Amino acid sequence: MTESGNLPLPDYDQLTLGDLQHRIRSLDAQQLEVVLTYEAGHAARVPVLEILEARARELDGGATPSAGDPRRAPGVESTPGRSSVQESTAAEATSPLRHGVANQTPNRGLP
């Protein structure tokens, strides 16, 4: 079974769907099959499998891989297992106003 470090796409496990859609365009059918087999045997994420299978159909239909080497793409930074948001960088907690704007009261019954 293939390890993620041996895949033709570096940082494959950290790629977003959008990044994956762009990076697989440079893979040939054999490289795409390696990625598809890896995904099916590991996470088996349905949206990812759909993207990979759609690209495989395109290649079978005569599409050609685009120029470029996916191994030279910029790396993906990740923080496995934890969020990069901290209490010091989080937004200030507020509750929504119930009616209108703060410090503004409607003039009910006043001329």
PDB file of N, CA and C in Angstrom:
ATOM      1  N   MET A   1       0.837  -1.178   0.000  1.00  0.00           N
ATOM      2  CA  MET A   1       0.000   0.000   0.000  1.00  0.00           C
ATOM      3  C   MET A   1       0.886   1.246   0.000  1.00  0.00           C
ATOM      4  N   THR A   2       0.502   2.248  -0.729  1.00  0.00           N
ATOM      5  CA  THR A   2       1.278   3.468  -0.868  1.00  0.00           C
ATOM      6  C   THR A   2       1.181   4.331   0.375  1.00  0.00           C
ATOM      7  N   GLU A   3       2.286   4.945   0.743  1.00  0.00           N
ATOM      8  CA  GLU A   3       2.313   5.895   1.854  1.00  0.00           C
ATOM      9  C   GLU A   3       2.116   7.293   1.276  1.00  0.00           C
ATOM     10  N   SER A   4       1.609   8.224   2.086  1.00  0.00           N
ATOM     11  CA  SER A   4       1.337   9.574   1.579  1.00  0.00           C
ATOM     12  C   SER A   4       2.610  10.270   1.102  1.00  0.00           C
ATOM     13  N   GLY A   5       3.773   9.936   1.664  1.00  0.00           N
ATOM     14  CA  GLY A   5       5.023  10.548   1.238  1.00  0.00           C
ATOM     15  C   GLY A   5       5.470  10.095  -0.138  1.00  0.00           C
ATOM     16  N   ASN A   6       4.926   8.967  -0.630  1.00  0.00           N
ATOM     17  CA  ASN A   6       5.298   8.443  -1.941  1.00  0.00           C
ATOM     18  C   ASN A   6       4.321   8.841  -3.040  1.00  0.00           C
ATOM     19  N   LEU A   7       3.347   9.650  -2.724  1.00  0.00           N
ATOM     20  CA  LEU A   7       2.361  10.077  -3.714  1.00  0.00           C
ATOM     21  C   LEU A   7       2.953  11.140  -4.631  1.00  0.00           C
ATOM     22  N   PRO A   8       2.435  11.255  -5.855  1.00  0.00           N
ATOM     23  CA  PRO A   8       2.943  12.280  -6.771  1.00  0.00           C
ATOM     24  C   PRO A   8       2.551  13.706  -6.368  1.00  0.00           C
ATOM     25  N   LEU A   9       1.693  13.858  -5.382  1.00  0.00           N
ATOM     26  CA  LEU A   9       1.296  15.180  -4.882  1.00  0.00           C
ATOM     27  C   LEU A   9       1.857  15.374  -3.478  1.00  0.00           C
ATOM     28  N   PRO A  10       2.769  16.332  -3.304  1.00  0.00           N
ATOM     29  CA  PRO A  10       3.288  16.570  -1.961  1.00  0.00           C
ATOM     30  C   PRO A  10       2.189  17.122  -1.046  1.00  0.00           C
ATOM     31  N   ASP A  11       2.264  16.800   0.222  1.00  0.00           N
ATOM     32  CA  ASP A  11       1.294  17.271   1.224  1.00  0.00           C
ATOM     33  C   ASP A  11      -0.140  16.921   0.850  1.00  0.00           C
ATOM     34  N   TYR A  12      -0.335  15.767   0.217  1.00  0.00           N
ATOM     35  CA  TYR A  12      -1.657  15.379  -0.268  1.00  0.00           C
ATOM     36  C   TYR A  12      -2.717  15.424   0.827  1.00  0.00           C
ATOM     37  N   ASP A  13      -2.397  14.914   2.004  1.00  0.00           N
ATOM     38  CA  ASP A  13      -3.391  14.833   3.079  1.00  0.00           C
ATOM     39  C   ASP A  13      -3.836  16.190   3.600  1.00  0.00           C
ATOM     40  N   GLN A  14      -3.084  17.262   3.336  1.00  0.00           N
ATOM     41  CA  GLN A  14      -3.450  18.595   3.802  1.00  0.00           C
ATOM     42  C   GLN A  14      -4.090  19.455   2.708  1.00  0.00           C
ATOM     43  N   LEU A  15      -4.218  18.942   1.494  1.00  0.00           N
ATOM     44  CA  LEU A  15      -4.770  19.738   0.394  1.00  0.00           C
ATOM     45  C   LEU A  15      -6.270  19.952   0.569  1.00  0.00           C
ATOM     46  N   THR A  16      -6.721  21.155   0.244  1.00  0.00           N
ATOM     47  CA  THR A  16      -8.155  21.427   0.207  1.00  0.00           C
ATOM     48  C   THR A  16      -8.706  20.880  -1.102  1.00  0.00           C
ATOM     49  N   LEU A  17     -10.023  20.799  -1.216  1.00  0.00           N
ATOM     50  CA  LEU A  17     -10.628  20.320  -2.458  1.00  0.00           C
ATOM     51  C   LEU A  17     -10.225  21.191  -3.645  1.00  0.00           C
ATOM     52  N   GLY A  18     -10.194  22.515  -3.439  1.00  0.00           N
ATOM     53  CA  GLY A  18      -9.812  23.418  -4.520  1.00  0.00           C
ATOM     54  C   GLY A  18      -8.377  23.209  -4.970  1.00  0.00           C
ATOM     55  N   ASP A  19      -7.466  23.069  -4.010  1.00  0.00           N
ATOM     56  CA  ASP A  19      -6.064  22.816  -4.355  1.00  0.00           C
ATOM     57  C   ASP A  19      -5.931  21.482  -5.077  1.00  0.00           C
ATOM     58  N   LEU A  20      -6.652  20.487  -4.604  1.00  0.00           N
ATOM     59  CA  LEU A  20      -6.576  19.167  -5.212  1.00  0.00           C
ATOM     60  C   LEU A  20      -7.043  19.210  -6.665  1.00  0.00           C
ATOM     61  N   GLN A  21      -8.153  19.912  -6.925  1.00  0.00           N
ATOM     62  CA  GLN A  21      -8.670  20.014  -8.292  1.00  0.00           C
ATOM     63  C   GLN A  21      -7.631  20.603  -9.239  1.00  0.00           C
ATOM     64  N   HIS A  22      -6.874  21.575  -8.783  1.00  0.00           N
ATOM     65  CA  HIS A  22      -5.876  22.204  -9.638  1.00  0.00           C
ATOM     66  C   HIS A  22      -4.633  21.342  -9.786  1.00  0.00           C
ATOM     67  N   ARG A  23      -4.202  20.734  -8.717  1.00  0.00           N
ATOM     68  CA  ARG A  23      -2.942  19.981  -8.765  1.00  0.00           C
ATOM     69  C   ARG A  23      -3.053  18.663  -9.515  1.00  0.00           C
ATOM     70  N   ILE A  24      -4.224  18.034  -9.528  1.00  0.00           N
ATOM     71  CA  ILE A  24      -4.332  16.759 -10.244  1.00  0.00           C
ATOM     72  C   ILE A  24      -4.341  16.950 -11.761  1.00  0.00           C
ATOM     73  N   ARG A  25      -4.514  18.167 -12.225  1.00  0.00           N
ATOM     74  CA  ARG A  25      -4.554  18.412 -13.662  1.00  0.00           C
ATOM     75  C   ARG A  25      -3.212  18.124 -14.334  1.00  0.00           C
ATOM     76  N   SER A  26      -2.126  18.126 -13.565  1.00  0.00           N
ATOM     77  CA  SER A  26      -0.825  17.858 -14.153  1.00  0.00           C
ATOM     78  C   SER A  26      -0.431  16.381 -14.055  1.00  0.00           C
ATOM     79  N   LEU A  27      -1.279  15.553 -13.450  1.00  0.00           N
ATOM     80  CA  LEU A  27      -0.964  14.136 -13.307  1.00  0.00           C
ATOM     81  C   LEU A  27      -1.395  13.357 -14.538  1.00  0.00           C
ATOM     82  N   ASP A  28      -0.597  12.341 -14.905  1.00  0.00           N
ATOM     83  CA  ASP A  28      -1.019  11.453 -15.982  1.00  0.00           C
ATOM     84  C   ASP A  28      -1.926  10.373 -15.387  1.00  0.00           C
ATOM     85  N   ALA A  29      -2.451   9.495 -16.223  1.00  0.00           N
ATOM     86  CA  ALA A  29      -3.417   8.492 -15.766  1.00  0.00           C
ATOM     87  C   ALA A  29      -2.825   7.564 -14.714  1.00  0.00           C
ATOM     88  N   GLN A  30      -1.571   7.171 -14.874  1.00  0.00           N
ATOM     89  CA  GLN A  30      -0.937   6.260 -13.925  1.00  0.00           C
ATOM     90  C   GLN A  30      -0.755   6.931 -12.562  1.00  0.00           C
ATOM     91  N   GLN A  31      -0.298   8.188 -12.543  1.00  0.00           N
ATOM     92  CA  GLN A  31      -0.127   8.911 -11.281  1.00  0.00           C
ATOM     93  C   GLN A  31      -1.472   9.140 -10.598  1.00  0.00           C
ATOM     94  N   LEU A  32      -2.486   9.468 -11.391  1.00  0.00           N
ATOM     95  CA  LEU A  32      -3.822   9.689 -10.849  1.00  0.00           C
ATOM     96  C   LEU A  32      -4.363   8.406 -10.217  1.00  0.00           C
ATOM     97  N   GLU A  33      -4.092   7.272 -10.843  1.00  0.00           N
ATOM     98  CA  GLU A  33      -4.538   5.990 -10.306  1.00  0.00           C
ATOM     99  C   GLU A  33      -3.890   5.704  -8.953  1.00  0.00           C
ATOM    100  N   VAL A  34      -2.625   6.098  -8.777  1.00  0.00           N
ATOM    101  CA  VAL A  34      -1.940   5.916  -7.493  1.00  0.00           C
ATOM    102  C   VAL A  34      -2.643   6.739  -6.413  1.00  0.00           C
ATOM    103  N   VAL A  35      -2.970   7.989  -6.734  1.00  0.00           N
ATOM    104  CA  VAL A  35      -3.651   8.861  -5.765  1.00  0.00           C
ATOM    105  C   VAL A  35      -5.051   8.328  -5.464  1.00  0.00           C
ATOM    106  N   LEU A  36      -5.757   7.882  -6.493  1.00  0.00           N
ATOM    107  CA  LEU A  36      -7.107   7.353  -6.320  1.00  0.00           C
ATOM    108  C   LEU A  36      -7.104   6.103  -5.438  1.00  0.00           C
ATOM    109  N   THR A  37      -6.155   5.221  -5.648  1.00  0.00           N
ATOM    110  CA  THR A  37      -6.031   4.014  -4.835  1.00  0.00           C
ATOM    111  C   THR A  37      -5.712   4.362  -3.386  1.00  0.00           C
ATOM    112  N   TYR A  38      -4.809   5.334  -3.198  1.00  0.00           N
ATOM    113  CA  TYR A  38      -4.465   5.766  -1.840  1.00  0.00           C
ATOM    114  C   TYR A  38      -5.689   6.327  -1.121  1.00  0.00           C
ATOM    115  N   GLU A  39      -6.424   7.209  -1.795  1.00  0.00           N
ATOM    116  CA  GLU A  39      -7.597   7.830  -1.169  1.00  0.00           C
ATOM    117  C   GLU A  39      -8.646   6.779  -0.840  1.00  0.00           C
ATOM    118  N   ALA A  40      -8.903   5.860  -1.747  1.00  0.00           N
ATOM    119  CA  ALA A  40      -9.919   4.835  -1.509  1.00  0.00           C
ATOM    120  C   ALA A  40      -9.535   3.923  -0.349  1.00  0.00           C
ATOM    121  N   GLY A  41      -8.246   3.699  -0.154  1.00  0.00           N
ATOM    122  CA  GLY A  41      -7.796   2.818   0.910  1.00  0.00           C
ATOM    123  C   GLY A  41      -7.587   3.497   2.244  1.00  0.00           C
ATOM    124  N   HIS A  42      -7.597   4.813   2.286  1.00  0.00           N
ATOM    125  CA  HIS A  42      -7.342   5.529   3.543  1.00  0.00           C
ATOM    126  C   HIS A  42      -8.585   6.287   3.998  1.00  0.00           C
ATOM    127  N   ALA A  43      -8.731   7.522   3.598  1.00  0.00           N
ATOM    128  CA  ALA A  43      -9.831   8.342   4.097  1.00  0.00           C
ATOM    129  C   ALA A  43     -11.144   8.063   3.374  1.00  0.00           C
ATOM    130  N   ALA A  44     -11.080   7.718   2.088  1.00  0.00           N
ATOM    131  CA  ALA A  44     -12.264   7.431   1.268  1.00  0.00           C
ATOM    132  C   ALA A  44     -13.290   8.560   1.345  1.00  0.00           C
ATOM    133  N   ARG A  45     -12.808   9.810   1.231  1.00  0.00           N
ATOM    134  CA  ARG A  45     -13.705  10.975   1.262  1.00  0.00           C
ATOM    135  C   ARG A  45     -14.448  11.048  -0.061  1.00  0.00           C
ATOM    136  N   VAL A  46     -15.764  11.026  -0.008  1.00  0.00           N
ATOM    137  CA  VAL A  46     -16.590  10.984  -1.208  1.00  0.00           C
ATOM    138  C   VAL A  46     -16.313  12.166  -2.151  1.00  0.00           C
ATOM    139  N   PRO A  47     -16.263  13.421  -1.677  1.00  0.00           N
ATOM    140  CA  PRO A  47     -15.995  14.521  -2.618  1.00  0.00           C
ATOM    141  C   PRO A  47     -14.630  14.384  -3.297  1.00  0.00           C
ATOM    142  N   VAL A  48     -13.636  13.902  -2.577  1.00  0.00           N
ATOM    143  CA  VAL A  48     -12.301  13.729  -3.156  1.00  0.00           C
ATOM    144  C   VAL A  48     -12.333  12.621  -4.200  1.00  0.00           C
ATOM    145  N   LEU A  49     -12.980  11.511  -3.882  1.00  0.00           N
ATOM    146  CA  LEU A  49     -13.079  10.419  -4.841  1.00  0.00           C
ATOM    147  C   LEU A  49     -13.816  10.857  -6.102  1.00  0.00           C
ATOM    148  N   GLU A  50     -14.859  11.671  -5.949  1.00  0.00           N
ATOM    149  CA  GLU A  50     -15.596  12.172  -7.109  1.00  0.00           C
ATOM    150  C   GLU A  50     -14.702  13.029  -8.005  1.00  0.00           C
ATOM    151  N   ILE A  51     -13.892  13.881  -7.403  1.00  0.00           N
ATOM    152  CA  ILE A  51     -12.984  14.739  -8.175  1.00  0.00           C
ATOM    153  C   ILE A  51     -11.957  13.896  -8.914  1.00  0.00           C
ATOM    154  N   LEU A  52     -11.376  12.923  -8.216  1.00  0.00           N
ATOM    155  CA  LEU A  52     -10.356  12.076  -8.836  1.00  0.00           C
ATOM    156  C   LEU A  52     -10.950  11.227  -9.954  1.00  0.00           C
ATOM    157  N   GLU A  53     -12.131  10.669  -9.732  1.00  0.00           N
ATOM    158  CA  GLU A  53     -12.767   9.848 -10.760  1.00  0.00           C
ATOM    159  C   GLU A  53     -13.181  10.678 -11.968  1.00  0.00           C
ATOM    160  N   ALA A  54     -13.638  11.907 -11.738  1.00  0.00           N
ATOM    161  CA  ALA A  54     -13.997  12.789 -12.853  1.00  0.00           C
ATOM    162  C   ALA A  54     -12.761  13.106 -13.698  1.00  0.00           C
ATOM    163  N   ARG A  55     -11.633  13.351 -13.045  1.00  0.00           N
ATOM    164  CA  ARG A  55     -10.403  13.631 -13.793  1.00  0.00           C
ATOM    165  C   ARG A  55      -9.947  12.388 -14.556  1.00  0.00           C
ATOM    166  N   ALA A  56     -10.113  11.205 -13.963  1.00  0.00           N
ATOM    167  CA  ALA A  56      -9.752   9.966 -14.661  1.00  0.00           C
ATOM    168  C   ALA A  56     -10.597   9.797 -15.918  1.00  0.00           C
ATOM    169  N   ARG A  57     -11.900  10.127 -15.833  1.00  0.00           N
ATOM    170  CA  ARG A  57     -12.761  10.060 -17.023  1.00  0.00           C
ATOM    171  C   ARG A  57     -12.313  11.056 -18.080  1.00  0.00           C
ATOM    172  N   GLU A  58     -11.886  12.250 -17.660  1.00  0.00           N
ATOM    173  CA  GLU A  58     -11.379  13.244 -18.611  1.00  0.00           C
ATOM    174  C   GLU A  58     -10.146  12.723 -19.335  1.00  0.00           C
ATOM    175  N   LEU A  59      -9.232  12.117 -18.581  1.00  0.00           N
ATOM    176  CA  LEU A  59      -8.021  11.574 -19.192  1.00  0.00           C
ATOM    177  C   LEU A  59      -8.357  10.423 -20.139  1.00  0.00           C
ATOM    178  N   ASP A  60      -9.303   9.581 -19.746  1.00  0.00           N
ATOM    179  CA  ASP A  60      -9.733   8.489 -20.623  1.00  0.00           C
ATOM    180  C   ASP A  60     -10.392   9.028 -21.888  1.00  0.00           C
ATOM    181  N   GLY A  61     -11.025  10.180 -21.789  1.00  0.00           N
ATOM    182  CA  GLY A  61     -11.696  10.791 -22.933  1.00  0.00           C
ATOM    183  C   GLY A  61     -10.763  11.569 -23.850  1.00  0.00           C
ATOM    184  N   GLY A  62      -9.485  11.594 -23.539  1.00  0.00           N
ATOM    185  CA  GLY A  62      -8.532  12.258 -24.431  1.00  0.00           C
ATOM    186  C   GLY A  62      -7.885  13.511 -23.882  1.00  0.00           C
ATOM    187  N   ALA A  63      -8.238  13.917 -22.671  1.00  0.00           N
ATOM    188  CA  ALA A  63      -7.601  15.103 -22.085  1.00  0.00           C
ATOM    189  C   ALA A  63      -6.125  14.799 -21.840  1.00  0.00           C
ATOM    190  N   THR A  64      -5.314  15.830 -21.891  1.00  0.00           N
ATOM    191  CA  THR A  64      -3.885  15.661 -21.630  1.00  0.00           C
ATOM    192  C   THR A  64      -3.528  16.385 -20.338  1.00  0.00           C
ATOM    193  N   PRO A  65      -2.563  15.855 -19.602  1.00  0.00           N
ATOM    194  CA  PRO A  65      -2.132  16.534 -18.376  1.00  0.00           C
ATOM    195  C   PRO A  65      -1.562  17.909 -18.707  1.00  0.00           C
ATOM    196  N   SER A  66      -1.816  18.866 -17.849  1.00  0.00           N
ATOM    197  CA  SER A  66      -1.279  20.206 -18.069  1.00  0.00           C
ATOM    198  C   SER A  66       0.194  20.227 -17.704  1.00  0.00           C
ATOM    199  N   ALA A  67       0.879  21.237 -18.184  1.00  0.00           N
ATOM    200  CA  ALA A  67       2.311  21.363 -17.913  1.00  0.00           C
ATOM    201  C   ALA A  67       2.531  21.686 -16.441  1.00  0.00           C
ATOM    202  N   GLY A  68       3.684  21.348 -15.954  1.00  0.00           N
ATOM    203  CA  GLY A  68       4.019  21.658 -14.564  1.00  0.00           C
ATOM    204  C   GLY A  68       4.253  20.400 -13.759  1.00  0.00           C
ATOM    205  N   ASP A  69       4.989  20.563 -12.708  1.00  0.00           N
ATOM    206  CA  ASP A  69       5.319  19.453 -11.827  1.00  0.00           C
ATOM    207  C   ASP A  69       4.673  19.714 -10.473  1.00  0.00           C
ATOM    208  N   PRO A  70       3.694  18.893 -10.048  1.00  0.00           N
ATOM    209  CA  PRO A  70       3.018  19.145  -8.771  1.00  0.00           C
ATOM    210  C   PRO A  70       3.944  19.067  -7.571  1.00  0.00           C
ATOM    211  N   ARG A  71       5.105  18.399  -7.717  1.00  0.00           N
ATOM    212  CA  ARG A  71       6.047  18.323  -6.597  1.00  0.00           C
ATOM    213  C   ARG A  71       6.737  19.650  -6.349  1.00  0.00           C
ATOM    214  N   ARG A  72       6.662  20.579  -7.309  1.00  0.00           N
ATOM    215  CA  ARG A  72       7.291  21.880  -7.145  1.00  0.00           C
ATOM    216  C   ARG A  72       6.308  22.939  -6.638  1.00  0.00           C
ATOM    217  N   ALA A  73       5.078  22.524  -6.362  1.00  0.00           N
ATOM    218  CA  ALA A  73       4.067  23.453  -5.852  1.00  0.00           C
ATOM    219  C   ALA A  73       4.444  23.897  -4.443  1.00  0.00           C
ATOM    220  N   PRO A  74       4.029  25.090  -4.036  1.00  0.00           N
ATOM    221  CA  PRO A  74       4.324  25.543  -2.679  1.00  0.00           C
ATOM    222  C   PRO A  74       3.746  24.584  -1.652  1.00  0.00           C
ATOM    223  N   GLY A  75       4.440  24.439  -0.553  1.00  0.00           N
ATOM    224  CA  GLY A  75       3.990  23.545   0.508  1.00  0.00           C
ATOM    225  C   GLY A  75       2.735  24.054   1.189  1.00  0.00           C
ATOM    226  N   VAL A  76       2.033  23.144   1.827  1.00  0.00           N
ATOM    227  CA  VAL A  76       0.820  23.471   2.562  1.00  0.00           C
ATOM    228  C   VAL A  76       1.165  23.478   4.044  1.00  0.00           C
ATOM    229  N   GLU A  77       0.905  24.599   4.695  1.00  0.00           N
ATOM    230  CA  GLU A  77       1.147  24.673   6.131  1.00  0.00           C
ATOM    231  C   GLU A  77      -0.081  24.164   6.864  1.00  0.00           C
ATOM    232  N   SER A  78       0.150  23.363   7.874  1.00  0.00           N
ATOM    233  CA  SER A  78      -0.978  22.850   8.644  1.00  0.00           C
ATOM    234  C   SER A  78      -0.601  22.773  10.112  1.00  0.00           C
ATOM    235  N   THR A  79      -1.617  22.704  10.918  1.00  0.00           N
ATOM    236  CA  THR A  79      -1.419  22.504  12.353  1.00  0.00           C
ATOM    237  C   THR A  79      -2.213  21.266  12.725  1.00  0.00           C
ATOM    238  N   PRO A  80      -1.637  20.082  12.494  1.00  0.00           N
ATOM    239  CA  PRO A  80      -2.385  18.853  12.733  1.00  0.00           C
ATOM    240  C   PRO A  80      -2.873  18.738  14.174  1.00  0.00           C
ATOM    241  N   GLY A  81      -4.158  18.461  14.298  1.00  0.00           N
ATOM    242  CA  GLY A  81      -4.720  18.200  15.613  1.00  0.00           C
ATOM    243  C   GLY A  81      -5.086  19.410  16.434  1.00  0.00           C
ATOM    244  N   ARG A  82      -4.804  20.615  15.949  1.00  0.00           N
ATOM    245  CA  ARG A  82      -5.188  21.784  16.737  1.00  0.00           C
ATOM    246  C   ARG A  82      -5.388  22.982  15.826  1.00  0.00           C
ATOM    247  N   SER A  83      -6.173  23.900  16.285  1.00  0.00           N
ATOM    248  CA  SER A  83      -6.457  25.104  15.534  1.00  0.00           C
ATOM    249  C   SER A  83      -5.377  26.149  15.799  1.00  0.00           C
ATOM    250  N   SER A  84      -5.112  26.982  14.796  1.00  0.00           N
ATOM    251  CA  SER A  84      -4.125  28.043  14.991  1.00  0.00           C
ATOM    252  C   SER A  84      -4.735  29.251  15.708  1.00  0.00           C
ATOM    253  N   VAL A  85      -6.053  29.239  15.938  1.00  0.00           N
ATOM    254  CA  VAL A  85      -6.714  30.328  16.644  1.00  0.00           C
ATOM    255  C   VAL A  85      -6.423  30.200  18.136  1.00  0.00           C
ATOM    256  N   GLN A  86      -6.065  31.312  18.741  1.00  0.00           N
ATOM    257  CA  GLN A  86      -5.787  31.322  20.170  1.00  0.00           C
ATOM    258  C   GLN A  86      -6.693  32.352  20.835  1.00  0.00           C
ATOM    259  N   GLU A  87      -6.782  32.316  22.138  1.00  0.00           N
ATOM    260  CA  GLU A  87      -7.626  33.266  22.848  1.00  0.00           C
ATOM    261  C   GLU A  87      -7.188  34.696  22.562  1.00  0.00           C
ATOM    262  N   SER A  88      -5.883  34.911  22.425  1.00  0.00           N
ATOM    263  CA  SER A  88      -5.381  36.265  22.176  1.00  0.00           C
ATOM    264  C   SER A  88      -5.710  36.760  20.758  1.00  0.00           C
ATOM    265  N   THR A  89      -5.983  35.833  19.809  1.00  0.00           N
ATOM    266  CA  THR A  89      -6.280  36.248  18.441  1.00  0.00           C
ATOM    267  C   THR A  89      -7.754  36.105  18.085  1.00  0.00           C
ATOM    268  N   ALA A  90      -8.566  35.594  18.993  1.00  0.00           N
ATOM    269  CA  ALA A  90      -9.982  35.393  18.733  1.00  0.00           C
ATOM    270  C   ALA A  90     -10.727  36.725  18.768  1.00  0.00           C
ATOM    271  N   ALA A  91     -11.850  36.763  18.075  1.00  0.00           N
ATOM    272  CA  ALA A  91     -12.681  37.964  18.071  1.00  0.00           C
ATOM    273  C   ALA A  91     -13.300  38.170  19.442  1.00  0.00           C
ATOM    274  N   GLU A  92     -13.579  39.435  19.761  1.00  0.00           N
ATOM    275  CA  GLU A  92     -14.192  39.756  21.043  1.00  0.00           C
ATOM    276  C   GLU A  92     -15.611  39.213  21.067  1.00  0.00           C
ATOM    277  N   ALA A  93     -15.979  38.580  22.164  1.00  0.00           N
ATOM    278  CA  ALA A  93     -17.309  37.999  22.289  1.00  0.00           C
ATOM    279  C   ALA A  93     -18.343  39.110  22.441  1.00  0.00           C
ATOM    280  N   THR A  94     -19.347  39.088  21.612  1.00  0.00           N
ATOM    281  CA  THR A  94     -20.449  40.049  21.700  1.00  0.00           C
ATOM    282  C   THR A  94     -21.739  39.299  21.442  1.00  0.00           C
ATOM    283  N   SER A  95     -22.816  39.849  21.931  1.00  0.00           N
ATOM    284  CA  SER A  95     -24.109  39.265  21.631  1.00  0.00           C
ATOM    285  C   SER A  95     -24.845  40.229  20.711  1.00  0.00           C
ATOM    286  N   PRO A  96     -25.657  39.693  19.809  1.00  0.00           N
ATOM    287  CA  PRO A  96     -26.357  40.571  18.874  1.00  0.00           C
ATOM    288  C   PRO A  96     -27.382  41.446  19.590  1.00  0.00           C
ATOM    289  N   LEU A  97     -27.618  42.597  19.029  1.00  0.00           N
ATOM    290  CA  LEU A  97     -28.629  43.498  19.581  1.00  0.00           C
ATOM    291  C   LEU A  97     -30.002  42.921  19.325  1.00  0.00           C
ATOM    292  N   ARG A  98     -30.879  43.070  20.300  1.00  0.00           N
ATOM    293  CA  ARG A  98     -32.212  42.510  20.150  1.00  0.00           C
ATOM    294  C   ARG A  98     -33.076  43.368  19.247  1.00  0.00           C
ATOM    295  N   HIS A  99     -32.991  44.692  19.377  1.00  0.00           N
ATOM    296  CA  HIS A  99     -33.837  45.578  18.579  1.00  0.00           C
ATOM    297  C   HIS A  99     -33.044  46.807  18.195  1.00  0.00           C
ATOM    298  N   GLY A 100     -32.987  47.094  16.940  1.00  0.00           N
ATOM    299  CA  GLY A 100     -32.385  48.347  16.496  1.00  0.00           C
ATOM    300  C   GLY A 100     -30.907  48.465  16.774  1.00  0.00           C
ATOM    301  N   VAL A 101     -30.491  49.697  17.009  1.00  0.00           N
ATOM    302  CA  VAL A 101     -29.093  50.025  17.194  1.00  0.00           C
ATOM    303  C   VAL A 101     -28.848  50.383  18.651  1.00  0.00           C
ATOM    304  N   ALA A 102     -27.667  50.114  19.146  1.00  0.00           N
ATOM    305  CA  ALA A 102     -27.352  50.405  20.540  1.00  0.00           C
ATOM    306  C   ALA A 102     -27.539  51.882  20.844  1.00  0.00           C
ATOM    307  N   ASN A 103     -28.004  52.202  22.033  1.00  0.00           N
ATOM    308  CA  ASN A 103     -28.204  53.572  22.522  1.00  0.00           C
ATOM    309  C   ASN A 103     -29.223  54.351  21.702  1.00  0.00           C
ATOM    310  N   GLN A 104     -30.111  53.662  21.037  1.00  0.00           N
ATOM    311  CA  GLN A 104     -31.139  54.337  20.259  1.00  0.00           C
ATOM    312  C   GLN A 104     -32.479  53.700  20.605  1.00  0.00           C
ATOM    313  N   THR A 105     -33.400  54.487  21.171  1.00  0.00           N
ATOM    314  CA  THR A 105     -34.689  53.987  21.569  1.00  0.00           C
ATOM    315  C   THR A 105     -35.747  54.601  20.674  1.00  0.00           C
ATOM    316  N   PRO A 106     -36.695  53.810  20.222  1.00  0.00           N
ATOM    317  CA  PRO A 106     -37.755  54.384  19.385  1.00  0.00           C
ATOM    318  C   PRO A 106     -38.621  55.338  20.190  1.00  0.00           C
ATOM    319  N   ASN A 107     -39.104  56.365  19.560  1.00  0.00           N
ATOM    320  CA  ASN A 107     -39.961  57.374  20.205  1.00  0.00           C
ATOM    321  C   ASN A 107     -41.411  56.921  20.121  1.00  0.00           C
ATOM    322  N   ARG A 108     -41.807  56.052  21.001  1.00  0.00           N
ATOM    323  CA  ARG A 108     -43.163  55.541  20.965  1.00  0.00           C
ATOM    324  C   ARG A 108     -44.114  56.513  21.649  1.00  0.00           C
ATOM    325  N   GLY A 109     -45.070  56.936  20.914  1.00  0.00           N
ATOM    326  CA  GLY A 109     -46.114  57.790  21.475  1.00  0.00           C
ATOM    327  C   GLY A 109     -45.679  59.214  21.757  1.00  0.00           C
ATOM    328  N   LEU A 110     -44.473  59.604  21.436  1.00  0.00           N
ATOM    329  CA  LEU A 110     -44.004  60.971  21.669  1.00  0.00           C
ATOM    330  C   LEU A 110     -44.184  61.781  20.391  1.00  0.00           C
ATOM    331  N   PRO A 111     -44.541  63.061  20.548  1.00  0.00           N
ATOM    332  CA  PRO A 111     -44.728  63.888  19.343  1.00  0.00           C
ATOM    333  C   PRO A 111     -43.435  64.203  18.640  1.00  0.00           C
TER     334      PRO A 111
END
